[in-house]
């Protein structure tokens, strides 16, 4: 346990030393603020700045300033979008709901199919007697037309049956 405390103490001392050296080199306060979380990653970045980047502090600060400017621009754009969409969102939702409702044609299609089917039923019912009358006319006409043929066929079958029965 004492060894663990000793390691942590050494780590924090090295971390503090890197932070102090980076400050003395003129590293931007914004960068130092981002690297002041005490994490291993931040300690490694501070160490890299102090040991290998002393001659590039101005470049580092300029890059951070551009990055920070980009973040601020992004935040401003996001705020504008939120303001725009926040004020127009209710209207957009209403329009979308109306568009979906306009596309929903189930009730109209159901009613149309019901009316069509009932129309067919009513039409058949209304013309029933006429249809049955025409069917009867057709039956009589066909019976008359095929009677000679059918009579001959029935006679032929009857004679064939007699011959077969006779030869048994």
N, C-alpha and C. Protein backbone atom coordinates (compact mmCIF):
# COMPACT_ATOMS: atom_id res chain seq x y z
N UNK A 1 0.82 -1.18 0.00
CA UNK A 1 0.00 0.00 0.00
C UNK A 1 0.88 1.26 0.00
N UNK A 2 1.93 1.23 0.77
CA UNK A 2 2.83 2.37 0.83
C UNK A 2 3.50 2.59 -0.53
N UNK A 3 3.77 1.49 -1.20
CA UNK A 3 4.39 1.60 -2.52
C UNK A 3 3.43 2.28 -3.50
N UNK A 4 2.12 1.96 -3.39
CA UNK A 4 1.10 2.57 -4.23
C UNK A 4 1.04 4.08 -3.98
N UNK A 5 1.06 4.47 -2.70
CA UNK A 5 1.05 5.90 -2.37
C UNK A 5 2.29 6.60 -2.91
N UNK A 6 3.40 5.90 -2.83
CA UNK A 6 4.66 6.47 -3.32
C UNK A 6 4.61 6.69 -4.83
N UNK A 7 4.04 5.72 -5.56
CA UNK A 7 3.91 5.84 -7.01
C UNK A 7 2.98 7.00 -7.38
N UNK A 8 1.87 7.09 -6.65
CA UNK A 8 0.93 8.17 -6.93
C UNK A 8 1.57 9.53 -6.64
N UNK A 9 2.34 9.60 -5.54
CA UNK A 9 3.01 10.84 -5.18
C UNK A 9 4.03 11.23 -6.25
N UNK A 10 4.79 10.25 -6.74
CA UNK A 10 5.77 10.52 -7.79
C UNK A 10 5.07 10.98 -9.08
N UNK A 11 3.97 10.33 -9.41
CA UNK A 11 3.22 10.68 -10.62
C UNK A 11 2.72 12.12 -10.53
N UNK A 12 2.11 12.46 -9.40
CA UNK A 12 1.56 13.81 -9.24
C UNK A 12 2.66 14.87 -9.23
N UNK A 13 3.83 14.52 -8.65
CA UNK A 13 4.95 15.47 -8.66
C UNK A 13 5.43 15.71 -10.09
N UNK A 14 5.56 14.65 -10.86
CA UNK A 14 5.99 14.77 -12.26
C UNK A 14 4.95 15.54 -13.05
N UNK A 15 3.69 15.24 -12.81
CA UNK A 15 2.58 15.92 -13.50
C UNK A 15 2.63 17.41 -13.20
N UNK A 16 2.77 17.76 -11.93
CA UNK A 16 2.84 19.17 -11.52
C UNK A 16 4.03 19.87 -12.13
N UNK A 17 5.16 19.16 -12.20
CA UNK A 17 6.37 19.73 -12.79
C UNK A 17 6.16 20.01 -14.28
N UNK A 18 5.55 19.08 -14.99
CA UNK A 18 5.27 19.28 -16.43
C UNK A 18 4.32 20.46 -16.63
N UNK A 19 3.31 20.57 -15.77
CA UNK A 19 2.35 21.66 -15.86
C UNK A 19 3.06 23.00 -15.63
N UNK A 20 3.91 23.07 -14.60
CA UNK A 20 4.63 24.32 -14.29
C UNK A 20 5.58 24.69 -15.44
N UNK A 21 6.27 23.72 -16.00
CA UNK A 21 7.19 23.99 -17.11
C UNK A 21 6.42 24.46 -18.35
N UNK A 22 5.28 23.83 -18.61
CA UNK A 22 4.47 24.23 -19.76
C UNK A 22 3.98 25.67 -19.59
N UNK A 23 3.58 26.03 -18.37
CA UNK A 23 3.15 27.40 -18.09
C UNK A 23 4.30 28.38 -18.32
N UNK A 24 5.50 28.00 -17.85
CA UNK A 24 6.65 28.90 -18.01
C UNK A 24 7.07 29.04 -19.47
N UNK A 25 6.76 28.03 -20.29
CA UNK A 25 7.08 28.10 -21.72
C UNK A 25 6.07 28.97 -22.47
N UNK A 26 4.95 29.30 -21.82
CA UNK A 26 3.95 30.15 -22.46
C UNK A 26 2.83 29.40 -23.15
N UNK A 27 2.61 28.15 -22.74
CA UNK A 27 1.49 27.39 -23.31
C UNK A 27 0.19 28.08 -22.93
N UNK A 28 -0.72 28.20 -23.88
CA UNK A 28 -2.01 28.88 -23.70
C UNK A 28 -2.75 28.32 -22.50
N UNK A 29 -3.40 29.23 -21.75
CA UNK A 29 -4.16 28.81 -20.56
C UNK A 29 -5.30 27.85 -20.92
N UNK A 30 -5.87 28.01 -22.11
CA UNK A 30 -6.94 27.10 -22.54
C UNK A 30 -6.42 25.68 -22.69
N UNK A 31 -5.21 25.55 -23.25
CA UNK A 31 -4.60 24.22 -23.39
C UNK A 31 -4.31 23.64 -22.01
N UNK A 32 -3.73 24.48 -21.14
CA UNK A 32 -3.40 24.01 -19.79
C UNK A 32 -4.67 23.60 -19.04
N UNK A 33 -5.74 24.35 -19.27
CA UNK A 33 -7.01 23.99 -18.63
C UNK A 33 -7.51 22.62 -19.07
N UNK A 34 -7.36 22.34 -20.37
CA UNK A 34 -7.78 21.03 -20.90
C UNK A 34 -6.91 19.91 -20.36
N UNK A 35 -5.63 20.22 -20.08
CA UNK A 35 -4.69 19.19 -19.63
C UNK A 35 -4.57 19.12 -18.11
N UNK A 36 -5.43 19.80 -17.39
CA UNK A 36 -5.32 19.83 -15.94
C UNK A 36 -6.22 18.82 -15.25
N UNK A 37 -6.67 17.81 -15.97
CA UNK A 37 -7.59 16.83 -15.38
C UNK A 37 -6.89 15.73 -14.59
N UNK A 38 -5.55 15.69 -14.64
CA UNK A 38 -4.80 14.71 -13.85
C UNK A 38 -4.72 13.33 -14.49
N UNK A 39 -5.21 13.18 -15.70
CA UNK A 39 -5.21 11.86 -16.34
C UNK A 39 -3.82 11.51 -16.87
N UNK A 40 -3.61 10.24 -17.08
CA UNK A 40 -2.35 9.74 -17.63
C UNK A 40 -2.12 10.32 -19.02
N UNK A 41 -3.20 10.41 -19.83
CA UNK A 41 -3.09 10.96 -21.18
C UNK A 41 -2.64 12.42 -21.12
N UNK A 42 -3.22 13.21 -20.23
CA UNK A 42 -2.82 14.62 -20.10
C UNK A 42 -1.37 14.74 -19.66
N UNK A 43 -0.96 13.89 -18.74
CA UNK A 43 0.44 13.91 -18.27
C UNK A 43 1.39 13.61 -19.42
N UNK A 44 1.04 12.67 -20.28
CA UNK A 44 1.89 12.32 -21.42
C UNK A 44 1.97 13.47 -22.42
N UNK A 45 0.86 14.15 -22.63
CA UNK A 45 0.85 15.30 -23.56
C UNK A 45 1.71 16.43 -22.99
N UNK A 46 1.56 16.71 -21.70
CA UNK A 46 2.38 17.75 -21.07
C UNK A 46 3.86 17.40 -21.15
N UNK A 47 4.19 16.16 -20.91
CA UNK A 47 5.58 15.71 -20.99
C UNK A 47 6.12 15.92 -22.40
N UNK A 48 5.32 15.58 -23.41
CA UNK A 48 5.73 15.74 -24.80
C UNK A 48 5.96 17.21 -25.13
N UNK A 49 5.07 18.08 -24.67
CA UNK A 49 5.22 19.52 -24.90
C UNK A 49 6.52 20.03 -24.28
N UNK A 50 6.77 19.65 -23.03
CA UNK A 50 7.94 20.14 -22.29
C UNK A 50 9.24 19.58 -22.87
N UNK A 51 9.26 18.30 -23.22
CA UNK A 51 10.52 17.69 -23.66
C UNK A 51 10.80 17.88 -25.15
N UNK A 52 9.78 17.93 -25.99
CA UNK A 52 10.02 18.00 -27.44
C UNK A 52 9.37 19.18 -28.15
N UNK A 53 8.58 19.96 -27.45
CA UNK A 53 7.83 21.00 -28.15
C UNK A 53 8.12 22.41 -27.70
N UNK A 54 9.17 22.63 -26.92
CA UNK A 54 9.45 23.97 -26.40
C UNK A 54 9.62 24.99 -27.52
N UNK A 55 10.19 24.57 -28.64
CA UNK A 55 10.40 25.50 -29.74
C UNK A 55 9.16 25.67 -30.63
N UNK A 56 8.09 24.96 -30.32
CA UNK A 56 6.87 25.03 -31.14
C UNK A 56 5.66 25.52 -30.34
N UNK A 57 5.90 26.22 -29.25
CA UNK A 57 4.81 26.68 -28.39
C UNK A 57 3.90 27.65 -29.14
N UNK A 58 4.48 28.57 -29.91
CA UNK A 58 3.66 29.53 -30.66
C UNK A 58 2.76 28.81 -31.66
N UNK A 59 3.31 27.82 -32.32
CA UNK A 59 2.53 27.04 -33.29
C UNK A 59 1.41 26.27 -32.59
N UNK A 60 1.73 25.70 -31.43
CA UNK A 60 0.74 24.96 -30.64
C UNK A 60 -0.38 25.89 -30.20
N UNK A 61 -0.01 27.07 -29.68
CA UNK A 61 -1.02 28.02 -29.23
C UNK A 61 -1.90 28.48 -30.40
N UNK A 62 -1.31 28.71 -31.58
CA UNK A 62 -2.07 29.13 -32.75
C UNK A 62 -3.04 28.03 -33.19
N UNK A 63 -2.57 26.80 -33.19
CA UNK A 63 -3.44 25.68 -33.56
C UNK A 63 -4.59 25.54 -32.59
N UNK A 64 -4.29 25.69 -31.30
CA UNK A 64 -5.35 25.60 -30.29
C UNK A 64 -6.36 26.74 -30.48
N UNK A 65 -5.85 27.94 -30.81
CA UNK A 65 -6.75 29.08 -31.02
C UNK A 65 -7.68 28.82 -32.20
N UNK A 66 -7.14 28.23 -33.28
CA UNK A 66 -7.98 27.90 -34.44
C UNK A 66 -9.02 26.85 -34.06
N UNK A 67 -8.58 25.85 -33.31
CA UNK A 67 -9.50 24.79 -32.86
C UNK A 67 -10.59 25.39 -31.98
N UNK A 68 -10.18 26.26 -31.06
CA UNK A 68 -11.14 26.89 -30.16
C UNK A 68 -12.12 27.77 -30.95
N UNK A 69 -11.61 28.48 -31.95
CA UNK A 69 -12.46 29.31 -32.82
C UNK A 69 -13.46 28.43 -33.57
N UNK A 70 -12.98 27.30 -34.07
CA UNK A 70 -13.86 26.36 -34.77
C UNK A 70 -14.95 25.83 -33.85
N UNK A 71 -14.60 25.54 -32.61
CA UNK A 71 -15.60 25.06 -31.65
C UNK A 71 -16.63 26.14 -31.37
N UNK A 72 -16.18 27.37 -31.25
CA UNK A 72 -17.12 28.47 -30.99
C UNK A 72 -18.05 28.68 -32.18
N UNK A 73 -17.49 28.60 -33.38
CA UNK A 73 -18.32 28.73 -34.59
C UNK A 73 -19.35 27.61 -34.64
N UNK A 74 -18.89 26.40 -34.36
CA UNK A 74 -19.80 25.24 -34.35
C UNK A 74 -20.90 25.43 -33.31
N UNK A 75 -20.52 25.91 -32.13
CA UNK A 75 -21.52 26.13 -31.07
C UNK A 75 -22.53 27.19 -31.50
N UNK A 76 -22.06 28.24 -32.18
CA UNK A 76 -22.96 29.29 -32.65
C UNK A 76 -23.93 28.74 -33.70
N UNK A 77 -23.42 27.94 -34.62
CA UNK A 77 -24.27 27.34 -35.66
C UNK A 77 -25.31 26.43 -35.01
N UNK A 78 -24.86 25.64 -34.06
CA UNK A 78 -25.80 24.73 -33.37
C UNK A 78 -26.87 25.52 -32.63
N UNK A 79 -26.49 26.64 -32.02
CA UNK A 79 -27.47 27.48 -31.33
C UNK A 79 -28.47 28.06 -32.31
N UNK A 80 -28.00 28.50 -33.49
CA UNK A 80 -28.91 29.03 -34.51
C UNK A 80 -29.87 27.94 -34.99
N UNK A 81 -29.32 26.76 -35.23
CA UNK A 81 -30.18 25.65 -35.68
C UNK A 81 -31.23 25.32 -34.63
N UNK A 82 -30.80 25.29 -33.38
CA UNK A 82 -31.74 24.98 -32.31
C UNK A 82 -32.82 26.05 -32.22
N UNK A 83 -32.42 27.30 -32.37
CA UNK A 83 -33.40 28.39 -32.34
C UNK A 83 -34.37 28.26 -33.52
N UNK A 84 -33.82 28.03 -34.72
CA UNK A 84 -34.66 27.91 -35.91
C UNK A 84 -35.60 26.73 -35.80
N UNK A 85 -35.02 25.56 -35.54
CA UNK A 85 -35.85 24.36 -35.50
C UNK A 85 -36.73 24.33 -34.26
N UNK A 86 -36.26 24.92 -33.19
CA UNK A 86 -37.08 24.97 -31.97
C UNK A 86 -38.34 25.76 -32.21
N UNK A 87 -38.23 26.88 -32.93
CA UNK A 87 -39.42 27.71 -33.16
C UNK A 87 -40.28 27.13 -34.28
N UNK A 88 -39.71 26.40 -35.20
CA UNK A 88 -40.47 25.86 -36.33
C UNK A 88 -40.84 24.39 -36.16
N UNK A 89 -40.33 23.77 -35.13
CA UNK A 89 -40.52 22.33 -34.97
C UNK A 89 -41.99 21.95 -34.81
N UNK A 90 -42.73 22.72 -34.03
CA UNK A 90 -44.15 22.39 -33.84
C UNK A 90 -44.90 22.41 -35.17
N UNK A 91 -44.63 23.43 -35.99
CA UNK A 91 -45.27 23.51 -37.30
C UNK A 91 -44.87 22.36 -38.20
N UNK A 92 -43.59 21.97 -38.14
CA UNK A 92 -43.11 20.86 -38.96
C UNK A 92 -43.78 19.55 -38.54
N UNK A 93 -43.92 19.36 -37.23
CA UNK A 93 -44.57 18.14 -36.72
C UNK A 93 -46.03 18.11 -37.17
N UNK A 94 -46.71 19.24 -37.08
CA UNK A 94 -48.12 19.30 -37.50
C UNK A 94 -48.25 18.98 -38.99
N UNK A 95 -47.37 19.56 -39.82
CA UNK A 95 -47.41 19.29 -41.25
C UNK A 95 -47.16 17.81 -41.55
N UNK A 96 -46.21 17.21 -40.85
CA UNK A 96 -45.91 15.80 -41.05
C UNK A 96 -47.09 14.93 -40.64
N UNK A 97 -47.69 15.23 -39.51
CA UNK A 97 -48.85 14.45 -39.07
C UNK A 97 -50.00 14.57 -40.07
N UNK A 98 -50.20 15.77 -40.63
CA UNK A 98 -51.26 15.96 -41.62
C UNK A 98 -50.96 15.18 -42.89
N UNK A 99 -49.70 15.19 -43.31
CA UNK A 99 -49.31 14.44 -44.51
C UNK A 99 -49.57 12.95 -44.31
N UNK A 100 -49.25 12.42 -43.14
CA UNK A 100 -49.50 11.00 -42.85
C UNK A 100 -51.01 10.74 -42.84
N UNK A 101 -51.76 11.64 -42.23
CA UNK A 101 -53.23 11.47 -42.20
C UNK A 101 -53.81 11.49 -43.61
N UNK A 102 -53.27 12.36 -44.47
CA UNK A 102 -53.76 12.42 -45.85
C UNK A 102 -53.47 11.13 -46.61
N UNK A 103 -52.39 10.47 -46.27
CA UNK A 103 -52.03 9.22 -46.95
C UNK A 103 -52.87 8.05 -46.45
N UNK A 104 -53.46 8.16 -45.29
CA UNK A 104 -54.23 7.07 -44.70
C UNK A 104 -55.61 7.03 -45.37
N UNK A 105 -55.83 6.08 -46.26
CA UNK A 105 -57.07 5.99 -47.03
C UNK A 105 -57.87 4.72 -46.69
N UNK A 106 -57.56 4.09 -45.59
CA UNK A 106 -58.23 2.84 -45.23
C UNK A 106 -59.75 3.03 -45.17
N UNK A 107 -60.18 4.02 -44.42
CA UNK A 107 -61.62 4.21 -44.23
C UNK A 107 -62.34 4.48 -45.56
N UNK A 108 -61.74 5.32 -46.38
CA UNK A 108 -62.36 5.64 -47.67
C UNK A 108 -62.39 4.41 -48.57
N UNK A 109 -61.29 3.64 -48.60
CA UNK A 109 -61.24 2.43 -49.43
C UNK A 109 -62.24 1.39 -48.93
N UNK A 110 -62.34 1.24 -47.62
CA UNK A 110 -63.29 0.29 -47.03
C UNK A 110 -64.72 0.66 -47.43
N UNK A 111 -65.04 1.94 -47.28
CA UNK A 111 -66.40 2.38 -47.60
C UNK A 111 -66.68 2.20 -49.09
N UNK A 112 -65.70 2.51 -49.93
CA UNK A 112 -65.87 2.37 -51.38
C UNK A 112 -66.11 0.91 -51.75
N UNK A 113 -65.34 -0.01 -51.18
CA UNK A 113 -65.52 -1.44 -51.47
C UNK A 113 -66.88 -1.92 -50.97
N UNK A 114 -67.26 -1.47 -49.80
CA UNK A 114 -68.57 -1.85 -49.25
C UNK A 114 -69.69 -1.36 -50.17
N UNK A 115 -69.61 -0.12 -50.61
CA UNK A 115 -70.63 0.43 -51.50
C UNK A 115 -70.66 -0.31 -52.83
N UNK A 116 -69.49 -0.66 -53.37
CA UNK A 116 -69.42 -1.38 -54.64
C UNK A 116 -70.07 -2.75 -54.52
N UNK A 117 -69.72 -3.48 -53.48
CA UNK A 117 -70.30 -4.82 -53.27
C UNK A 117 -71.82 -4.73 -53.10
N UNK A 118 -72.26 -3.75 -52.32
CA UNK A 118 -73.71 -3.61 -52.12
C UNK A 118 -74.38 -3.23 -53.43
N UNK A 119 -73.71 -2.45 -54.25
CA UNK A 119 -74.25 -2.09 -55.56
C UNK A 119 -74.41 -3.32 -56.44
N UNK A 120 -73.44 -4.22 -56.42
CA UNK A 120 -73.53 -5.47 -57.19
C UNK A 120 -74.71 -6.30 -56.70
N UNK A 121 -74.82 -6.43 -55.38
CA UNK A 121 -75.92 -7.21 -54.80
C UNK A 121 -77.27 -6.61 -55.18
N UNK A 122 -77.38 -5.29 -55.04
CA UNK A 122 -78.64 -4.62 -55.38
C UNK A 122 -78.95 -4.77 -56.87
N UNK A 123 -77.94 -4.68 -57.71
CA UNK A 123 -78.14 -4.83 -59.15
C UNK A 123 -78.61 -6.22 -59.51
N UNK A 124 -78.01 -7.23 -58.93
CA UNK A 124 -78.43 -8.61 -59.19
C UNK A 124 -79.85 -8.83 -58.69
N UNK A 125 -80.12 -8.35 -57.49
CA UNK A 125 -81.44 -8.51 -56.90
C UNK A 125 -82.50 -7.82 -57.77
N UNK A 126 -82.19 -6.64 -58.26
CA UNK A 126 -83.11 -5.87 -59.09
C UNK A 126 -83.39 -6.57 -60.43
N UNK A 127 -82.42 -7.25 -60.99
CA UNK A 127 -82.54 -7.88 -62.30
C UNK A 127 -82.76 -9.40 -62.22
N UNK A 128 -83.01 -9.91 -61.03
CA UNK A 128 -83.11 -11.35 -60.81
C UNK A 128 -84.15 -11.99 -61.72
N UNK A 129 -85.33 -11.47 -61.76
CA UNK A 129 -86.41 -12.06 -62.57
C UNK A 129 -86.03 -12.08 -64.05
N UNK A 130 -85.41 -11.00 -64.52
CA UNK A 130 -85.01 -10.94 -65.93
C UNK A 130 -83.93 -11.98 -66.23
N UNK A 131 -82.98 -12.17 -65.30
CA UNK A 131 -81.91 -13.15 -65.50
C UNK A 131 -82.50 -14.56 -65.52
N UNK A 132 -83.40 -14.86 -64.59
CA UNK A 132 -84.01 -16.18 -64.54
C UNK A 132 -84.84 -16.42 -65.81
N UNK A 133 -85.55 -15.42 -66.27
CA UNK A 133 -86.35 -15.54 -67.49
C UNK A 133 -85.47 -15.86 -68.69
N UNK A 134 -84.35 -15.15 -68.84
CA UNK A 134 -83.43 -15.40 -69.95
C UNK A 134 -82.82 -16.79 -69.84
N UNK A 135 -82.50 -17.22 -68.62
CA UNK A 135 -81.96 -18.56 -68.42
C UNK A 135 -82.98 -19.61 -68.87
N UNK A 136 -84.23 -19.42 -68.52
CA UNK A 136 -85.28 -20.37 -68.93
C UNK A 136 -85.44 -20.39 -70.45
N UNK A 137 -85.42 -19.21 -71.08
CA UNK A 137 -85.51 -19.14 -72.54
C UNK A 137 -84.36 -19.90 -73.18
N UNK A 138 -83.17 -19.71 -72.66
CA UNK A 138 -81.98 -20.37 -73.19
C UNK A 138 -82.10 -21.88 -73.01
N UNK A 139 -82.57 -22.31 -71.88
CA UNK A 139 -82.72 -23.74 -71.61
C UNK A 139 -83.70 -24.37 -72.60
N UNK A 140 -84.81 -23.72 -72.82
CA UNK A 140 -85.80 -24.25 -73.77
C UNK A 140 -85.24 -24.28 -75.18
N UNK A 141 -84.52 -23.22 -75.57
CA UNK A 141 -83.95 -23.17 -76.91
C UNK A 141 -82.92 -24.28 -77.10
N UNK A 142 -82.07 -24.48 -76.12
CA UNK A 142 -81.06 -25.54 -76.22
C UNK A 142 -81.71 -26.92 -76.22
N UNK A 143 -82.70 -27.08 -75.39
CA UNK A 143 -83.40 -28.37 -75.35
C UNK A 143 -84.01 -28.68 -76.70
N UNK A 144 -84.62 -27.67 -77.32
CA UNK A 144 -85.23 -27.86 -78.64
C UNK A 144 -84.18 -28.17 -79.69
N UNK A 145 -83.06 -27.49 -79.62
CA UNK A 145 -82.01 -27.68 -80.63
C UNK A 145 -81.35 -29.04 -80.49
N UNK A 146 -81.16 -29.50 -79.29
CA UNK A 146 -80.45 -30.77 -79.09
C UNK A 146 -81.38 -31.96 -78.94
N UNK A 147 -82.67 -31.80 -78.96
CA UNK A 147 -83.62 -32.89 -78.75
C UNK A 147 -83.45 -34.00 -79.78
N UNK A 148 -83.35 -33.68 -81.08
CA UNK A 148 -83.20 -34.77 -82.04
C UNK A 148 -81.90 -35.55 -81.82
N UNK A 149 -80.85 -34.84 -81.51
CA UNK A 149 -79.56 -35.50 -81.29
C UNK A 149 -79.63 -36.37 -80.05
N UNK A 150 -80.21 -35.82 -78.99
CA UNK A 150 -80.28 -36.54 -77.72
C UNK A 150 -81.19 -37.76 -77.84
N UNK A 151 -82.26 -37.61 -78.57
CA UNK A 151 -83.18 -38.75 -78.74
C UNK A 151 -82.48 -39.88 -79.46
N UNK A 152 -81.74 -39.53 -80.51
CA UNK A 152 -81.00 -40.54 -81.25
C UNK A 152 -79.94 -41.19 -80.39
N UNK A 153 -79.28 -40.41 -79.56
CA UNK A 153 -78.22 -40.95 -78.70
C UNK A 153 -78.81 -41.87 -77.65
N UNK A 154 -79.94 -41.47 -77.08
CA UNK A 154 -80.59 -42.31 -76.08
C UNK A 154 -81.06 -43.61 -76.72
N UNK A 155 -81.57 -43.55 -77.92
CA UNK A 155 -82.03 -44.75 -78.63
C UNK A 155 -80.85 -45.66 -78.90
N UNK A 156 -79.76 -45.12 -79.35
CA UNK A 156 -78.57 -45.92 -79.66
C UNK A 156 -78.04 -46.60 -78.41
N UNK A 157 -78.01 -45.88 -77.32
CA UNK A 157 -77.53 -46.47 -76.06
C UNK A 157 -78.48 -47.58 -75.64
N UNK A 158 -79.75 -47.36 -75.78
CA UNK A 158 -80.73 -48.38 -75.39
C UNK A 158 -80.57 -49.63 -76.24
N UNK A 159 -80.36 -49.51 -77.54
CA UNK A 159 -80.19 -50.66 -78.42
C UNK A 159 -78.89 -51.39 -78.09
N UNK A 160 -77.84 -50.66 -77.83
CA UNK A 160 -76.57 -51.28 -77.46
C UNK A 160 -76.75 -52.10 -76.19
N UNK A 161 -77.48 -51.56 -75.26
CA UNK A 161 -77.69 -52.26 -73.99
C UNK A 161 -78.50 -53.54 -74.21
N UNK A 162 -79.45 -53.50 -75.10
CA UNK A 162 -80.24 -54.69 -75.38
C UNK A 162 -79.37 -55.77 -76.01
N UNK A 163 -78.50 -55.43 -76.93
CA UNK A 163 -77.64 -56.41 -77.58
C UNK A 163 -76.68 -57.05 -76.59
N UNK A 164 -76.16 -56.22 -75.72
CA UNK A 164 -75.20 -56.74 -74.74
C UNK A 164 -75.94 -57.68 -73.79
N UNK A 165 -77.11 -57.33 -73.39
CA UNK A 165 -77.87 -58.15 -72.48
C UNK A 165 -78.30 -59.46 -73.16
N UNK A 166 -78.59 -59.44 -74.47
CA UNK A 166 -79.07 -60.57 -75.19
C UNK A 166 -77.99 -61.64 -75.33
N UNK A 167 -76.80 -61.28 -75.53
CA UNK A 167 -75.70 -62.21 -75.75
C UNK A 167 -75.12 -62.80 -74.49
N UNK A 168 -75.66 -62.52 -73.38
CA UNK A 168 -75.12 -63.07 -72.14
C UNK A 168 -75.41 -64.48 -72.07
